[in-house]
Amino acid sequence: MPTIELLIFSPRWGHDDTYEIELERDHMEITRGANIARADWQDNADPAWSGWTVEGMMGNDSIHPPAVTQRMFLKVWTAWRGREIDTAQAEAELQSLADWINAVTRAKPRTDFWRAYF
C-alpha cells in the first residue's frame, strides 16, 4: 500500500521534516522519526487512534497546525479506503494539507513576546 512523504517546515530545527503517511485498508500511520500516530479501522465506529496525536507530534517540532488537522488526515484516508479517491488524489490532497500547515507555520507571529510561547 502507498506511503506518501510530506515535507513540513519545523521552526524548532529550521528545516523541512519528512512525515510519512502510510495508507492501508485496516490502518493509517503518520510517522516522523520514531513518533507514530496510528488510526485503526473499526467497523461501525470511529477509527481508534493510538500513539501520538498529530498535533502532539507536530507540536514536538514547534509546528502548531490548525485544530482540524488530524480529522483532515482521517478524511483523506477514509476517502481513499472507500475508493472515493485514488492514491494519486490522496497524495495531492495530503500535499495540499501540508502546504496549508506550512503556510500557517510560516505566518506565525515572530515578535519577542510570541517567541517565548512558541
PDB file of N, CA and C in Angstrom:
ATOM      1  N   MET A   1       0.841  -1.184   0.000  1.00  0.00           N
ATOM      2  CA  MET A   1       0.000   0.000   0.000  1.00  0.00           C
ATOM      3  C   MET A   1       0.888   1.249   0.000  1.00  0.00           C
ATOM      4  N   PRO A   2       0.317   2.367  -0.354  1.00  0.00           N
ATOM      5  CA  PRO A   2       1.157   3.560  -0.549  1.00  0.00           C
ATOM      6  C   PRO A   2       1.685   4.172   0.750  1.00  0.00           C
ATOM      7  N   THR A   3       2.887   4.708   0.635  1.00  0.00           N
ATOM      8  CA  THR A   3       3.469   5.561   1.658  1.00  0.00           C
ATOM      9  C   THR A   3       3.738   6.906   1.002  1.00  0.00           C
ATOM     10  N   ILE A   4       3.184   7.943   1.560  1.00  0.00           N
ATOM     11  CA  ILE A   4       3.282   9.293   0.998  1.00  0.00           C
ATOM     12  C   ILE A   4       4.160  10.130   1.912  1.00  0.00           C
ATOM     13  N   GLU A   5       5.138  10.803   1.336  1.00  0.00           N
ATOM     14  CA  GLU A   5       6.036  11.651   2.110  1.00  0.00           C
ATOM     15  C   GLU A   5       5.634  13.110   1.960  1.00  0.00           C
ATOM     16  N   LEU A   6       5.533  13.790   3.092  1.00  0.00           N
ATOM     17  CA  LEU A   6       5.212  15.217   3.115  1.00  0.00           C
ATOM     18  C   LEU A   6       6.350  15.958   3.797  1.00  0.00           C
ATOM     19  N   LEU A   7       6.762  17.071   3.229  1.00  0.00           N
ATOM     20  CA  LEU A   7       7.776  17.924   3.848  1.00  0.00           C
ATOM     21  C   LEU A   7       7.054  19.046   4.580  1.00  0.00           C
ATOM     22  N   ILE A   8       7.266  19.100   5.885  1.00  0.00           N
ATOM     23  CA  ILE A   8       6.610  20.103   6.722  1.00  0.00           C
ATOM     24  C   ILE A   8       7.695  20.862   7.475  1.00  0.00           C
ATOM     25  N   PHE A   9       7.656  22.182   7.371  1.00  0.00           N
ATOM     26  CA  PHE A   9       8.690  23.023   7.960  1.00  0.00           C
ATOM     27  C   PHE A   9       8.623  22.995   9.483  1.00  0.00           C
ATOM     28  N   SER A  10       9.775  22.753  10.109  1.00  0.00           N
ATOM     29  CA  SER A  10       9.882  22.735  11.565  1.00  0.00           C
ATOM     30  C   SER A  10      10.646  23.959  12.044  1.00  0.00           C
ATOM     31  N   PRO A  11       9.956  24.902  12.711  1.00  0.00           N
ATOM     32  CA  PRO A  11      10.672  26.047  13.281  1.00  0.00           C
ATOM     33  C   PRO A  11      11.707  25.626  14.331  1.00  0.00           C
ATOM     34  N   ARG A  12      11.447  24.527  14.999  1.00  0.00           N
ATOM     35  CA  ARG A  12      12.386  24.054  16.023  1.00  0.00           C
ATOM     36  C   ARG A  12      13.753  23.752  15.426  1.00  0.00           C
ATOM     37  N   TRP A  13      13.754  23.130  14.250  1.00  0.00           N
ATOM     38  CA  TRP A  13      15.008  22.716  13.624  1.00  0.00           C
ATOM     39  C   TRP A  13      15.428  23.629  12.474  1.00  0.00           C
ATOM     40  N   GLY A  14      14.502  24.453  11.976  1.00  0.00           N
ATOM     41  CA  GLY A  14      14.833  25.386  10.912  1.00  0.00           C
ATOM     42  C   GLY A  14      14.913  24.758   9.534  1.00  0.00           C
ATOM     43  N   HIS A  15      14.295  23.602   9.366  1.00  0.00           N
ATOM     44  CA  HIS A  15      14.282  22.950   8.050  1.00  0.00           C
ATOM     45  C   HIS A  15      13.015  22.107   7.916  1.00  0.00           C
ATOM     46  N   ASP A  16      12.792  21.595   6.710  1.00  0.00           N
ATOM     47  CA  ASP A  16      11.647  20.720   6.482  1.00  0.00           C
ATOM     48  C   ASP A  16      11.902  19.359   7.107  1.00  0.00           C
ATOM     49  N   ASP A  17      10.899  18.818   7.765  1.00  0.00           N
ATOM     50  CA  ASP A  17      10.934  17.458   8.284  1.00  0.00           C
ATOM     51  C   ASP A  17      10.060  16.589   7.386  1.00  0.00           C
ATOM     52  N   THR A  18      10.430  15.338   7.262  1.00  0.00           N
ATOM     53  CA  THR A  18       9.649  14.411   6.455  1.00  0.00           C
ATOM     54  C   THR A  18       8.667  13.666   7.348  1.00  0.00           C
ATOM     55  N   TYR A  19       7.409  13.766   7.000  1.00  0.00           N
ATOM     56  CA  TYR A  19       6.345  12.995   7.640  1.00  0.00           C
ATOM     57  C   TYR A  19       5.904  11.948   6.627  1.00  0.00           C
ATOM     58  N   GLU A  20       5.881  10.698   7.043  1.00  0.00           N
ATOM     59  CA  GLU A  20       5.452   9.610   6.167  1.00  0.00           C
ATOM     60  C   GLU A  20       4.038   9.197   6.544  1.00  0.00           C
ATOM     61  N   ILE A  21       3.184   9.129   5.531  1.00  0.00           N
ATOM     62  CA  ILE A  21       1.803   8.716   5.745  1.00  0.00           C
ATOM     63  C   ILE A  21       1.615   7.386   5.029  1.00  0.00           C
ATOM     64  N   GLU A  22       1.361   6.357   5.794  1.00  0.00           N
ATOM     65  CA  GLU A  22       1.147   5.018   5.241  1.00  0.00           C
ATOM     66  C   GLU A  22      -0.349   4.735   5.241  1.00  0.00           C
ATOM     67  N   LEU A  23      -0.882   4.476   4.065  1.00  0.00           N
ATOM     68  CA  LEU A  23      -2.305   4.174   3.927  1.00  0.00           C
ATOM     69  C   LEU A  23      -2.487   2.681   3.707  1.00  0.00           C
ATOM     70  N   GLU A  24      -3.209   2.058   4.593  1.00  0.00           N
ATOM     71  CA  GLU A  24      -3.577   0.650   4.480  1.00  0.00           C
ATOM     72  C   GLU A  24      -5.085   0.568   4.643  1.00  0.00           C
ATOM     73  N   ARG A  25      -5.687  -0.509   4.219  1.00  0.00           N
ATOM     74  CA  ARG A  25      -7.140  -0.657   4.354  1.00  0.00           C
ATOM     75  C   ARG A  25      -7.550  -0.711   5.827  1.00  0.00           C
ATOM     76  N   ASP A  26      -6.728  -1.341   6.675  1.00  0.00           N
ATOM     77  CA  ASP A  26      -7.113  -1.503   8.071  1.00  0.00           C
ATOM     78  C   ASP A  26      -6.520  -0.453   9.003  1.00  0.00           C
ATOM     79  N   HIS A  27      -5.577   0.380   8.496  1.00  0.00           N
ATOM     80  CA  HIS A  27      -4.999   1.414   9.340  1.00  0.00           C
ATOM     81  C   HIS A  27      -4.292   2.486   8.517  1.00  0.00           C
ATOM     82  N   MET A  28      -4.019   3.597   9.184  1.00  0.00           N
ATOM     83  CA  MET A  28      -3.194   4.662   8.630  1.00  0.00           C
ATOM     84  C   MET A  28      -2.164   5.006   9.698  1.00  0.00           C
ATOM     85  N   GLU A  29      -0.917   5.169   9.276  1.00  0.00           N
ATOM     86  CA  GLU A  29       0.123   5.608  10.195  1.00  0.00           C
ATOM     87  C   GLU A  29       0.758   6.887   9.678  1.00  0.00           C
ATOM     88  N   ILE A  30       0.944   7.826  10.578  1.00  0.00           N
ATOM     89  CA  ILE A  30       1.644   9.071  10.294  1.00  0.00           C
ATOM     90  C   ILE A  30       2.899   9.022  11.149  1.00  0.00           C
ATOM     91  N   THR A  31       4.050   9.030  10.495  1.00  0.00           N
ATOM     92  CA  THR A  31       5.313   8.815  11.180  1.00  0.00           C
ATOM     93  C   THR A  31       6.256   9.978  10.957  1.00  0.00           C
ATOM     94  N   ARG A  32       6.923  10.379  12.015  1.00  0.00           N
ATOM     95  CA  ARG A  32       8.008  11.368  11.960  1.00  0.00           C
ATOM     96  C   ARG A  32       9.095  10.836  12.869  1.00  0.00           C
ATOM     97  N   GLY A  33      10.169  10.325  12.285  1.00  0.00           N
ATOM     98  CA  GLY A  33      11.217   9.705  13.092  1.00  0.00           C
ATOM     99  C   GLY A  33      10.645   8.512  13.833  1.00  0.00           C
ATOM    100  N   ALA A  34      10.850   8.483  15.150  1.00  0.00           N
ATOM    101  CA  ALA A  34      10.342   7.377  15.970  1.00  0.00           C
ATOM    102  C   ALA A  34       8.907   7.605  16.436  1.00  0.00           C
ATOM    103  N   ASN A  35       8.330   8.768  16.130  1.00  0.00           N
ATOM    104  CA  ASN A  35       6.981   9.112  16.595  1.00  0.00           C
ATOM    105  C   ASN A  35       5.935   8.635  15.593  1.00  0.00           C
ATOM    106  N   ILE A  36       4.899   7.989  16.094  1.00  0.00           N
ATOM    107  CA  ILE A  36       3.843   7.445  15.234  1.00  0.00           C
ATOM    108  C   ILE A  36       2.473   7.798  15.790  1.00  0.00           C
ATOM    109  N   ALA A  37       1.611   8.292  14.907  1.00  0.00           N
ATOM    110  CA  ALA A  37       0.183   8.435  15.192  1.00  0.00           C
ATOM    111  C   ALA A  37      -0.507   7.404  14.306  1.00  0.00           C
ATOM    112  N   ARG A  38      -1.294   6.543  14.900  1.00  0.00           N
ATOM    113  CA  ARG A  38      -1.915   5.452  14.138  1.00  0.00           C
ATOM    114  C   ARG A  38      -3.424   5.460  14.343  1.00  0.00           C
ATOM    115  N   ALA A  39      -4.139   5.299  13.240  1.00  0.00           N
ATOM    116  CA  ALA A  39      -5.592   5.144  13.275  1.00  0.00           C
ATOM    117  C   ALA A  39      -5.929   3.756  12.749  1.00  0.00           C
ATOM    118  N   ASP A  40      -6.654   2.982  13.544  1.00  0.00           N
ATOM    119  CA  ASP A  40      -7.081   1.639  13.140  1.00  0.00           C
ATOM    120  C   ASP A  40      -8.566   1.658  12.814  1.00  0.00           C
ATOM    121  N   TRP A  41      -8.909   1.052  11.679  1.00  0.00           N
ATOM    122  CA  TRP A  41     -10.294   0.991  11.243  1.00  0.00           C
ATOM    123  C   TRP A  41     -11.104   0.116  12.190  1.00  0.00           C
ATOM    124  N   GLN A  42     -12.317   0.563  12.488  1.00  0.00           N
ATOM    125  CA  GLN A  42     -13.262  -0.214  13.270  1.00  0.00           C
ATOM    126  C   GLN A  42     -14.600  -0.164  12.549  1.00  0.00           C
ATOM    127  N   ASP A  43     -15.167  -1.300  12.252  1.00  0.00           N
ATOM    128  CA  ASP A  43     -16.481  -1.318  11.622  1.00  0.00           C
ATOM    129  C   ASP A  43     -17.518  -0.728  12.583  1.00  0.00           C
ATOM    130  N   ASN A  44     -18.391   0.083  12.057  1.00  0.00           N
ATOM    131  CA  ASN A  44     -19.485   0.689  12.812  1.00  0.00           C
ATOM    132  C   ASN A  44     -19.044   1.560  13.982  1.00  0.00           C
ATOM    133  N   ALA A  45     -17.840   2.138  13.871  1.00  0.00           N
ATOM    134  CA  ALA A  45     -17.341   3.042  14.915  1.00  0.00           C
ATOM    135  C   ALA A  45     -16.268   3.941  14.291  1.00  0.00           C
ATOM    136  N   ASP A  46     -15.950   5.019  14.980  1.00  0.00           N
ATOM    137  CA  ASP A  46     -14.861   5.872  14.521  1.00  0.00           C
ATOM    138  C   ASP A  46     -13.549   5.110  14.616  1.00  0.00           C
ATOM    139  N   PRO A  47     -12.597   5.415  13.742  1.00  0.00           N
ATOM    140  CA  PRO A  47     -11.283   4.779  13.866  1.00  0.00           C
ATOM    141  C   PRO A  47     -10.677   5.056  15.247  1.00  0.00           C
ATOM    142  N   ALA A  48      -9.915   4.101  15.739  1.00  0.00           N
ATOM    143  CA  ALA A  48      -9.269   4.224  17.045  1.00  0.00           C
ATOM    144  C   ALA A  48      -7.844   4.721  16.849  1.00  0.00           C
ATOM    145  N   TRP A  49      -7.531   5.833  17.492  1.00  0.00           N
ATOM    146  CA  TRP A  49      -6.187   6.408  17.416  1.00  0.00           C
ATOM    147  C   TRP A  49      -5.333   5.862  18.545  1.00  0.00           C
ATOM    148  N   SER A  50      -4.046   5.666  18.238  1.00  0.00           N
ATOM    149  CA  SER A  50      -3.089   5.252  19.270  1.00  0.00           C
ATOM    150  C   SER A  50      -1.753   5.946  19.003  1.00  0.00           C
ATOM    151  N   GLY A  51      -0.914   5.929  20.012  1.00  0.00           N
ATOM    152  CA  GLY A  51       0.377   6.608  19.896  1.00  0.00           C
ATOM    153  C   GLY A  51       0.188   8.107  20.079  1.00  0.00           C
ATOM    154  N   TRP A  52       0.913   8.872  19.327  1.00  0.00           N
ATOM    155  CA  TRP A  52       0.847  10.331  19.379  1.00  0.00           C
ATOM    156  C   TRP A  52      -0.421  10.832  18.716  1.00  0.00           C
ATOM    157  N   THR A  53      -0.863  12.027  19.083  1.00  0.00           N
ATOM    158  CA  THR A  53      -1.825  12.743  18.252  1.00  0.00           C
ATOM    159  C   THR A  53      -1.014  13.454  17.173  1.00  0.00           C
ATOM    160  N   VAL A  54      -1.646  13.786  16.073  1.00  0.00           N
ATOM    161  CA  VAL A  54      -0.945  14.521  15.018  1.00  0.00           C
ATOM    162  C   VAL A  54      -0.473  15.869  15.555  1.00  0.00           C
ATOM    163  N   GLU A  55      -1.351  16.558  16.286  1.00  0.00           N
ATOM    164  CA  GLU A  55      -0.989  17.866  16.834  1.00  0.00           C
ATOM    165  C   GLU A  55       0.162  17.751  17.824  1.00  0.00           C
ATOM    166  N   GLY A  56       0.169  16.698  18.648  1.00  0.00           N
ATOM    167  CA  GLY A  56       1.247  16.493  19.603  1.00  0.00           C
ATOM    168  C   GLY A  56       2.569  16.213  18.923  1.00  0.00           C
ATOM    169  N   MET A  57       2.530  15.373  17.888  1.00  0.00           N
ATOM    170  CA  MET A  57       3.741  15.047  17.151  1.00  0.00           C
ATOM    171  C   MET A  57       4.321  16.292  16.490  1.00  0.00           C
ATOM    172  N   MET A  58       3.464  17.063  15.840  1.00  0.00           N
ATOM    173  CA  MET A  58       3.937  18.276  15.176  1.00  0.00           C
ATOM    174  C   MET A  58       4.358  19.327  16.198  1.00  0.00           C
ATOM    175  N   GLY A  59       3.617  19.441  17.292  1.00  0.00           N
ATOM    176  CA  GLY A  59       3.975  20.392  18.337  1.00  0.00           C
ATOM    177  C   GLY A  59       5.357  20.124  18.909  1.00  0.00           C
ATOM    178  N   ASN A  60       5.764  18.857  18.930  1.00  0.00           N
ATOM    179  CA  ASN A  60       7.102  18.490  19.396  1.00  0.00           C
ATOM    180  C   ASN A  60       8.188  19.109  18.508  1.00  0.00           C
ATOM    181  N   ASP A  61       7.834  19.448  17.276  1.00  0.00           N
ATOM    182  CA  ASP A  61       8.756  20.096  16.334  1.00  0.00           C
ATOM    183  C   ASP A  61       8.457  21.589  16.195  1.00  0.00           C
ATOM    184  N   SER A  62       7.713  22.142  17.152  1.00  0.00           N
ATOM    185  CA  SER A  62       7.308  23.555  17.152  1.00  0.00           C
ATOM    186  C   SER A  62       6.433  23.920  15.952  1.00  0.00           C
ATOM    187  N   ILE A  63       5.692  22.934  15.455  1.00  0.00           N
ATOM    188  CA  ILE A  63       4.710  23.144  14.395  1.00  0.00           C
ATOM    189  C   ILE A  63       3.354  23.143  15.096  1.00  0.00           C
ATOM    190  N   HIS A  64       2.567  24.172  14.876  1.00  0.00           N
ATOM    191  CA  HIS A  64       1.265  24.277  15.541  1.00  0.00           C
ATOM    192  C   HIS A  64       0.183  24.310  14.467  1.00  0.00           C
ATOM    193  N   PRO A  65      -0.239  23.124  14.004  1.00  0.00           N
ATOM    194  CA  PRO A  65      -1.202  23.057  12.911  1.00  0.00           C
ATOM    195  C   PRO A  65      -2.608  23.437  13.365  1.00  0.00           C
ATOM    196  N   PRO A  66      -3.481  23.750  12.422  1.00  0.00           N
ATOM    197  CA  PRO A  66      -4.888  24.010  12.778  1.00  0.00           C
ATOM    198  C   PRO A  66      -5.490  22.806  13.513  1.00  0.00           C
ATOM    199  N   ALA A  67      -6.443  23.067  14.378  1.00  0.00           N
ATOM    200  CA  ALA A  67      -7.038  22.029  15.222  1.00  0.00           C
ATOM    201  C   ALA A  67      -7.698  20.903  14.429  1.00  0.00           C
ATOM    202  N   VAL A  68      -8.084  21.147  13.191  1.00  0.00           N
ATOM    203  CA  VAL A  68      -8.770  20.128  12.392  1.00  0.00           C
ATOM    204  C   VAL A  68      -7.807  19.204  11.642  1.00  0.00           C
ATOM    205  N   THR A  69      -6.522  19.377  11.831  1.00  0.00           N
ATOM    206  CA  THR A  69      -5.527  18.656  11.029  1.00  0.00           C
ATOM    207  C   THR A  69      -5.674  17.138  11.128  1.00  0.00           C
ATOM    208  N   GLN A  70      -5.804  16.603  12.329  1.00  0.00           N
ATOM    209  CA  GLN A  70      -5.923  15.144  12.466  1.00  0.00           C
ATOM    210  C   GLN A  70      -7.171  14.630  11.753  1.00  0.00           C
ATOM    211  N   ARG A  71      -8.267  15.383  11.861  1.00  0.00           N
ATOM    212  CA  ARG A  71      -9.504  14.975  11.170  1.00  0.00           C
ATOM    213  C   ARG A  71      -9.339  15.050   9.652  1.00  0.00           C
ATOM    214  N   MET A  72      -8.518  15.972   9.182  1.00  0.00           N
ATOM    215  CA  MET A  72      -8.296  16.088   7.733  1.00  0.00           C
ATOM    216  C   MET A  72      -7.495  14.906   7.207  1.00  0.00           C
ATOM    217  N   PHE A  73      -6.467  14.465   7.964  1.00  0.00           N
ATOM    218  CA  PHE A  73      -5.755  13.244   7.587  1.00  0.00           C
ATOM    219  C   PHE A  73      -6.737  12.079   7.524  1.00  0.00           C
ATOM    220  N   LEU A  74      -7.595  11.986   8.528  1.00  0.00           N
ATOM    221  CA  LEU A  74      -8.591  10.921   8.595  1.00  0.00           C
ATOM    222  C   LEU A  74      -9.538  10.974   7.398  1.00  0.00           C
ATOM    223  N   LYS A  75      -9.959  12.156   6.993  1.00  0.00           N
ATOM    224  CA  LYS A  75     -10.869  12.307   5.855  1.00  0.00           C
ATOM    225  C   LYS A  75     -10.238  11.777   4.569  1.00  0.00           C
ATOM    226  N   VAL A  76      -8.970  12.108   4.353  1.00  0.00           N
ATOM    227  CA  VAL A  76      -8.288  11.610   3.149  1.00  0.00           C
ATOM    228  C   VAL A  76      -8.192  10.090   3.201  1.00  0.00           C
ATOM    229  N   TRP A  77      -7.795   9.564   4.361  1.00  0.00           N
ATOM    230  CA  TRP A  77      -7.656   8.107   4.479  1.00  0.00           C
ATOM    231  C   TRP A  77      -8.982   7.391   4.234  1.00  0.00           C
ATOM    232  N   THR A  78     -10.054   7.859   4.859  1.00  0.00           N
ATOM    233  CA  THR A  78     -11.343   7.179   4.683  1.00  0.00           C
ATOM    234  C   THR A  78     -11.855   7.305   3.253  1.00  0.00           C
ATOM    235  N   ALA A  79     -11.594   8.432   2.598  1.00  0.00           N
ATOM    236  CA  ALA A  79     -11.987   8.577   1.187  1.00  0.00           C
ATOM    237  C   ALA A  79     -11.176   7.619   0.313  1.00  0.00           C
ATOM    238  N   TRP A  80      -9.877   7.488   0.585  1.00  0.00           N
ATOM    239  CA  TRP A  80      -9.027   6.550  -0.164  1.00  0.00           C
ATOM    240  C   TRP A  80      -9.473   5.117   0.110  1.00  0.00           C
ATOM    241  N   ARG A  81      -9.699   4.828   1.381  1.00  0.00           N
ATOM    242  CA  ARG A  81     -10.105   3.482   1.782  1.00  0.00           C
ATOM    243  C   ARG A  81     -11.431   3.081   1.130  1.00  0.00           C
ATOM    244  N   GLY A  82     -12.354   4.046   1.030  1.00  0.00           N
ATOM    245  CA  GLY A  82     -13.651   3.793   0.419  1.00  0.00           C
ATOM    246  C   GLY A  82     -13.651   3.912  -1.098  1.00  0.00           C
ATOM    247  N   ARG A  83     -12.470   4.112  -1.672  1.00  0.00           N
ATOM    248  CA  ARG A  83     -12.282   4.214  -3.130  1.00  0.00           C
ATOM    249  C   ARG A  83     -12.992   5.421  -3.751  1.00  0.00           C
ATOM    250  N   GLU A  84     -13.235   6.452  -2.917  1.00  0.00           N
ATOM    251  CA  GLU A  84     -13.763   7.719  -3.447  1.00  0.00           C
ATOM    252  C   GLU A  84     -12.664   8.464  -4.194  1.00  0.00           C
ATOM    253  N   ILE A  85     -11.420   8.276  -3.756  1.00  0.00           N
ATOM    254  CA  ILE A  85     -10.263   8.879  -4.417  1.00  0.00           C
ATOM    255  C   ILE A  85      -9.198   7.801  -4.577  1.00  0.00           C
ATOM    256  N   ASP A  86      -8.343   7.973  -5.597  1.00  0.00           N
ATOM    257  CA  ASP A  86      -7.254   7.019  -5.791  1.00  0.00           C
ATOM    258  C   ASP A  86      -6.002   7.506  -5.064  1.00  0.00           C
ATOM    259  N   THR A  87      -4.942   6.749  -5.155  1.00  0.00           N
ATOM    260  CA  THR A  87      -3.713   7.078  -4.440  1.00  0.00           C
ATOM    261  C   THR A  87      -3.136   8.417  -4.886  1.00  0.00           C
ATOM    262  N   ALA A  88      -3.170   8.690  -6.184  1.00  0.00           N
ATOM    263  CA  ALA A  88      -2.634   9.966  -6.686  1.00  0.00           C
ATOM    264  C   ALA A  88      -3.410  11.146  -6.107  1.00  0.00           C
ATOM    265  N   GLN A  89      -4.726  11.033  -6.049  1.00  0.00           N
ATOM    266  CA  GLN A  89      -5.513  12.125  -5.481  1.00  0.00           C
ATOM    267  C   GLN A  89      -5.303  12.217  -3.968  1.00  0.00           C
ATOM    268  N   ALA A  90      -5.156  11.080  -3.285  1.00  0.00           N
ATOM    269  CA  ALA A  90      -4.868  11.110  -1.852  1.00  0.00           C
ATOM    270  C   ALA A  90      -3.557  11.848  -1.608  1.00  0.00           C
ATOM    271  N   GLU A  91      -2.550  11.566  -2.418  1.00  0.00           N
ATOM    272  CA  GLU A  91      -1.270  12.255  -2.272  1.00  0.00           C
ATOM    273  C   GLU A  91      -1.427  13.753  -2.526  1.00  0.00           C
ATOM    274  N   ALA A  92      -2.195  14.119  -3.548  1.00  0.00           N
ATOM    275  CA  ALA A  92      -2.410  15.537  -3.850  1.00  0.00           C
ATOM    276  C   ALA A  92      -3.147  16.237  -2.712  1.00  0.00           C
ATOM    277  N   GLU A  93      -4.145  15.575  -2.134  1.00  0.00           N
ATOM    278  CA  GLU A  93      -4.902  16.182  -1.039  1.00  0.00           C
ATOM    279  C   GLU A  93      -4.033  16.323   0.218  1.00  0.00           C
ATOM    280  N   LEU A  94      -3.210  15.321   0.486  1.00  0.00           N
ATOM    281  CA  LEU A  94      -2.307  15.412   1.636  1.00  0.00           C
ATOM    282  C   LEU A  94      -1.253  16.488   1.419  1.00  0.00           C
ATOM    283  N   GLN A  95      -0.781  16.639   0.172  1.00  0.00           N
ATOM    284  CA  GLN A  95       0.182  17.706  -0.110  1.00  0.00           C
ATOM    285  C   GLN A  95      -0.467  19.072   0.084  1.00  0.00           C
ATOM    286  N   SER A  96      -1.720  19.192  -0.305  1.00  0.00           N
ATOM    287  CA  SER A  96      -2.457  20.435  -0.087  1.00  0.00           C
ATOM    288  C   SER A  96      -2.560  20.741   1.408  1.00  0.00           C
ATOM    289  N   LEU A  97      -2.802  19.711   2.211  1.00  0.00           N
ATOM    290  CA  LEU A  97      -2.850  19.871   3.662  1.00  0.00           C
ATOM    291  C   LEU A  97      -1.485  20.304   4.201  1.00  0.00           C
ATOM    292  N   ALA A  98      -0.413  19.681   3.716  1.00  0.00           N
ATOM    293  CA  ALA A  98       0.942  20.063   4.145  1.00  0.00           C
ATOM    294  C   ALA A  98       1.246  21.505   3.760  1.00  0.00           C
ATOM    295  N   ASP A  99       0.817  21.917   2.581  1.00  0.00           N
ATOM    296  CA  ASP A  99       1.028  23.306   2.152  1.00  0.00           C
ATOM    297  C   ASP A  99       0.336  24.276   3.108  1.00  0.00           C
ATOM    298  N   TRP A 100      -0.863  23.925   3.543  1.00  0.00           N
ATOM    299  CA  TRP A 100      -1.614  24.771   4.479  1.00  0.00           C
ATOM    300  C   TRP A 100      -0.908  24.834   5.835  1.00  0.00           C
ATOM    301  N   ILE A 101      -0.474  23.670   6.321  1.00  0.00           N
ATOM    302  CA  ILE A 101       0.255  23.638   7.600  1.00  0.00           C
ATOM    303  C   ILE A 101       1.506  24.502   7.502  1.00  0.00           C
ATOM    304  N   ASN A 102       2.233  24.385   6.389  1.00  0.00           N
ATOM    305  CA  ASN A 102       3.446  25.188   6.203  1.00  0.00           C
ATOM    306  C   ASN A 102       3.129  26.679   6.145  1.00  0.00           C
ATOM    307  N   ALA A 103       2.035  27.050   5.491  1.00  0.00           N
ATOM    308  CA  ALA A 103       1.655  28.466   5.417  1.00  0.00           C
ATOM    309  C   ALA A 103       1.330  29.007   6.813  1.00  0.00           C
ATOM    310  N   VAL A 104       0.613  28.210   7.607  1.00  0.00           N
ATOM    311  CA  VAL A 104       0.277  28.625   8.973  1.00  0.00           C
ATOM    312  C   VAL A 104       1.555  28.755   9.806  1.00  0.00           C
ATOM    313  N   THR A 105       2.436  27.791   9.681  1.00  0.00           N
ATOM    314  CA  THR A 105       3.686  27.806  10.449  1.00  0.00           C
ATOM    315  C   THR A 105       4.532  29.016  10.092  1.00  0.00           C
ATOM    316  N   ARG A 106       4.649  29.296   8.812  1.00  0.00           N
ATOM    317  CA  ARG A 106       5.488  30.416   8.381  1.00  0.00           C
ATOM    318  C   ARG A 106       4.859  31.772   8.697  1.00  0.00           C
ATOM    319  N   ALA A 107       3.555  31.794   8.929  1.00  0.00           N
ATOM    320  CA  ALA A 107       2.865  33.060   9.209  1.00  0.00           C
ATOM    321  C   ALA A 107       2.709  33.342  10.705  1.00  0.00           C
ATOM    322  N   LYS A 108       3.226  32.463  11.547  1.00  0.00           N
ATOM    323  CA  LYS A 108       3.037  32.681  12.988  1.00  0.00           C
ATOM    324  C   LYS A 108       3.732  33.968  13.428  1.00  0.00           C
ATOM    325  N   PRO A 109       3.235  34.594  14.478  1.00  0.00           N
ATOM    326  CA  PRO A 109       3.851  35.835  14.956  1.00  0.00           C
ATOM    327  C   PRO A 109       5.312  35.611  15.354  1.00  0.00           C
ATOM    328  N   ARG A 110       6.143  36.582  15.060  1.00  0.00           N
ATOM    329  CA  ARG A 110       7.570  36.434  15.318  1.00  0.00           C
ATOM    330  C   ARG A 110       8.125  37.510  16.260  1.00  0.00           C
ATOM    331  N   THR A 111       7.256  38.152  17.012  1.00  0.00           N
ATOM    332  CA  THR A 111       7.744  39.142  17.974  1.00  0.00           C
ATOM    333  C   THR A 111       8.374  38.415  19.164  1.00  0.00           C
ATOM    334  N   ASP A 112       9.178  39.120  19.927  1.00  0.00           N
ATOM    335  CA  ASP A 112       9.811  38.523  21.110  1.00  0.00           C
ATOM    336  C   ASP A 112       8.755  37.978  22.075  1.00  0.00           C
ATOM    337  N   PHE A 113       7.619  38.678  22.179  1.00  0.00           N
ATOM    338  CA  PHE A 113       6.545  38.217  23.060  1.00  0.00           C
ATOM    339  C   PHE A 113       6.107  36.807  22.690  1.00  0.00           C
ATOM    340  N   TRP A 114       5.816  36.575  21.404  1.00  0.00           N
ATOM    341  CA  TRP A 114       5.305  35.272  20.972  1.00  0.00           C
ATOM    342  C   TRP A 114       6.384  34.215  20.904  1.00  0.00           C
ATOM    343  N   ARG A 115       7.617  34.582  20.650  1.00  0.00           N
ATOM    344  CA  ARG A 115       8.705  33.599  20.617  1.00  0.00           C
ATOM    345  C   ARG A 115       8.861  32.905  21.961  1.00  0.00           C
ATOM    346  N   ALA A 116       8.480  33.569  23.037  1.00  0.00           N
ATOM    347  CA  ALA A 116       8.565  32.957  24.357  1.00  0.00           C
ATOM    348  C   ALA A 116       7.563  31.821  24.522  1.00  0.00           C
ATOM    349  N   TYR A 117       6.510  31.809  23.706  1.00  0.00           N
ATOM    350  CA  TYR A 117       5.464  30.800  23.819  1.00  0.00           C
ATOM    351  C   TYR A 117       5.562  29.695  22.789  1.00  0.00           C
ATOM    352  N   PHE A 118       5.956  30.038  21.559  1.00  0.00           N
ATOM    353  CA  PHE A 118       6.096  29.002  20.524  1.00  0.00           C
ATOM    354  C   PHE A 118       7.013  29.440  19.426  1.00  0.00           C
TER     355      PHE A 118
END
